[in-house]
Amino acid sequence: MSDDKKNTRTHYRQLYVKVAPGEIYAFIPGTIVKVFVEEGQEVKKGDILCSLHAMKMDNQICSTIDGKVKAINVKPGQTVSKNDVLIEIAGND
């Protein structure tokens, strides 16, 4: 085996990690424009939770489940990274 092949590194993709259904993530880095819900508020699947400004567009972040807002981890003007948890929702069981 040549020295070139001995010194190369192999990069593998990260394994898929299943996300919690009640955690709403930022799908892209950006800035929070507005939060439309409050802690303790009941939400339905599809309700708009907040607005994220990224790539010169405002993106509406919607609820993926029915439930009650458990925690809001962001505020307007805050910069977020991809995969940051924005809002946590306790699902209706």
C-alpha atoms as a PDB file:
ATOM      1  CA  MET A   1       0.000   0.000   0.000  1.00  0.00           C
ATOM      2  CA  SER A   2       1.367   3.425  -0.871  1.00  0.00           C
ATOM      3  CA  ASP A   3       1.985   6.112   1.748  1.00  0.00           C
ATOM      4  CA  ASP A   4      -0.749   8.269   0.190  1.00  0.00           C
ATOM      5  CA  LYS A   5      -3.418   5.677   0.940  1.00  0.00           C
ATOM      6  CA  LYS A   6      -2.183   5.119   4.499  1.00  0.00           C
ATOM      7  CA  ASN A   7      -2.515   8.797   5.388  1.00  0.00           C
ATOM      8  CA  THR A   8      -5.962   9.457   3.959  1.00  0.00           C
ATOM      9  CA  ARG A   9      -8.982   9.821   6.178  1.00  0.00           C
ATOM     10  CA  THR A  10     -12.401   8.484   5.471  1.00  0.00           C
ATOM     11  CA  HIS A  11     -15.354  10.719   6.260  1.00  0.00           C
ATOM     12  CA  TYR A  12     -18.705   9.141   6.963  1.00  0.00           C
ATOM     13  CA  ARG A  13     -22.084  10.816   7.145  1.00  0.00           C
ATOM     14  CA  GLN A  14     -23.561  11.134  10.601  1.00  0.00           C
ATOM     15  CA  LEU A  15     -26.098   8.494  11.456  1.00  0.00           C
ATOM     16  CA  TYR A  16     -29.712   9.595  11.343  1.00  0.00           C
ATOM     17  CA  VAL A  17     -30.905  10.679  14.764  1.00  0.00           C
ATOM     18  CA  LYS A  18     -34.641  10.527  15.314  1.00  0.00           C
ATOM     19  CA  VAL A  19     -35.901  13.853  16.635  1.00  0.00           C
ATOM     20  CA  ALA A  20     -38.423  14.204  19.408  1.00  0.00           C
ATOM     21  CA  PRO A  21     -41.848  14.946  17.876  1.00  0.00           C
ATOM     22  CA  GLY A  22     -42.468  17.883  20.225  1.00  0.00           C
ATOM     23  CA  GLU A  23     -39.201  19.683  19.528  1.00  0.00           C
ATOM     24  CA  ILE A  24     -39.341  22.304  16.790  1.00  0.00           C
ATOM     25  CA  TYR A  25     -35.927  22.829  15.181  1.00  0.00           C
ATOM     26  CA  ALA A  26     -34.444  25.547  12.980  1.00  0.00           C
ATOM     27  CA  PHE A  27     -34.044  23.940   9.561  1.00  0.00           C
ATOM     28  CA  ILE A  28     -31.649  26.692   8.462  1.00  0.00           C
ATOM     29  CA  PRO A  29     -29.506  29.306  10.267  1.00  0.00           C
ATOM     30  CA  GLY A  30     -31.151  32.698  10.608  1.00  0.00           C
ATOM     31  CA  THR A  31     -32.702  35.318  12.870  1.00  0.00           C
ATOM     32  CA  ILE A  32     -35.985  35.015  14.748  1.00  0.00           C
ATOM     33  CA  VAL A  33     -38.322  37.788  13.582  1.00  0.00           C
ATOM     34  CA  LYS A  34     -41.396  37.118  15.724  1.00  0.00           C
ATOM     35  CA  VAL A  35     -42.752  34.477  18.098  1.00  0.00           C
ATOM     36  CA  PHE A  36     -46.517  33.990  17.713  1.00  0.00           C
ATOM     37  CA  VAL A  37     -47.180  31.711  20.718  1.00  0.00           C
ATOM     38  CA  GLU A  38     -46.746  31.819  24.492  1.00  0.00           C
ATOM     39  CA  GLU A  39     -45.815  29.123  26.994  1.00  0.00           C
ATOM     40  CA  GLY A  40     -48.881  27.142  28.032  1.00  0.00           C
ATOM     41  CA  GLN A  41     -50.789  27.960  24.845  1.00  0.00           C
ATOM     42  CA  GLU A  42     -52.601  25.114  23.045  1.00  0.00           C
ATOM     43  CA  VAL A  43     -51.501  24.635  19.422  1.00  0.00           C
ATOM     44  CA  LYS A  44     -52.684  22.436  16.569  1.00  0.00           C
ATOM     45  CA  LYS A  45     -50.576  20.762  13.897  1.00  0.00           C
ATOM     46  CA  GLY A  46     -49.842  23.385  11.233  1.00  0.00           C
ATOM     47  CA  ASP A  47     -50.214  26.444  13.511  1.00  0.00           C
ATOM     48  CA  ILE A  48     -47.541  29.096  12.924  1.00  0.00           C
ATOM     49  CA  LEU A  49     -45.209  29.239  15.931  1.00  0.00           C
ATOM     50  CA  CYS A  50     -42.576  31.760  14.861  1.00  0.00           C
ATOM     51  CA  SER A  51     -40.995  33.493  11.902  1.00  0.00           C
ATOM     52  CA  LEU A  52     -37.340  32.883  10.946  1.00  0.00           C
ATOM     53  CA  HIS A  53     -35.529  35.285   8.598  1.00  0.00           C
ATOM     54  CA  ALA A  54     -32.941  33.466   6.487  1.00  0.00           C
ATOM     55  CA  MET A  55     -31.554  33.934   2.980  1.00  0.00           C
ATOM     56  CA  LYS A  56     -33.512  37.183   2.476  1.00  0.00           C
ATOM     57  CA  MET A  57     -36.837  35.463   3.222  1.00  0.00           C
ATOM     58  CA  ASP A  58     -39.118  35.128   6.234  1.00  0.00           C
ATOM     59  CA  ASN A  59     -39.880  31.459   6.856  1.00  0.00           C
ATOM     60  CA  GLN A  60     -42.878  30.421   8.929  1.00  0.00           C
ATOM     61  CA  ILE A  61     -42.080  27.688  11.437  1.00  0.00           C
ATOM     62  CA  CYS A  62     -45.175  25.565  12.095  1.00  0.00           C
ATOM     63  CA  SER A  63     -46.183  23.051  14.730  1.00  0.00           C
ATOM     64  CA  THR A  64     -45.731  19.417  13.757  1.00  0.00           C
ATOM     65  CA  ILE A  65     -48.097  18.081  16.444  1.00  0.00           C
ATOM     66  CA  ASP A  66     -51.145  19.034  18.507  1.00  0.00           C
ATOM     67  CA  GLY A  67     -50.293  19.979  22.088  1.00  0.00           C
ATOM     68  CA  LYS A  68     -49.366  22.655  24.590  1.00  0.00           C
ATOM     69  CA  VAL A  69     -46.300  24.908  24.283  1.00  0.00           C
ATOM     70  CA  LYS A  70     -43.924  23.696  26.990  1.00  0.00           C
ATOM     71  CA  ALA A  71     -40.953  26.030  26.382  1.00  0.00           C
ATOM     72  CA  ILE A  72     -39.929  28.848  24.061  1.00  0.00           C
ATOM     73  CA  ASN A  73     -36.151  28.855  23.680  1.00  0.00           C
ATOM     74  CA  VAL A  74     -35.850  31.913  21.417  1.00  0.00           C
ATOM     75  CA  LYS A  75     -36.825  35.568  21.325  1.00  0.00           C
ATOM     76  CA  PRO A  76     -37.156  38.095  18.489  1.00  0.00           C
ATOM     77  CA  GLY A  77     -33.807  39.285  17.167  1.00  0.00           C
ATOM     78  CA  GLN A  78     -31.968  36.166  18.320  1.00  0.00           C
ATOM     79  CA  THR A  79     -29.670  34.435  15.827  1.00  0.00           C
ATOM     80  CA  VAL A  80     -30.084  30.659  15.632  1.00  0.00           C
ATOM     81  CA  SER A  81     -28.037  27.893  14.057  1.00  0.00           C
ATOM     82  CA  LYS A  82     -29.315  24.961  12.040  1.00  0.00           C
ATOM     83  CA  ASN A  83     -30.898  22.299  14.288  1.00  0.00           C
ATOM     84  CA  ASP A  84     -31.276  24.605  17.331  1.00  0.00           C
ATOM     85  CA  VAL A  85     -34.429  23.744  19.293  1.00  0.00           C
ATOM     86  CA  LEU A  86     -36.706  26.773  18.959  1.00  0.00           C
ATOM     87  CA  ILE A  87     -39.879  25.647  20.723  1.00  0.00           C
ATOM     88  CA  GLU A  88     -40.860  22.560  22.723  1.00  0.00           C
ATOM     89  CA  ILE A  89     -44.414  21.210  22.631  1.00  0.00           C
ATOM     90  CA  ALA A  90     -45.923  18.655  24.988  1.00  0.00           C
ATOM     91  CA  GLY A  91     -48.126  16.466  22.812  1.00  0.00           C
ATOM     92  CA  ASN A  92     -51.707  15.584  23.648  1.00  0.00           C
ATOM     93  CA  ASP A  93     -51.757  11.933  24.677  1.00  0.00           C
END
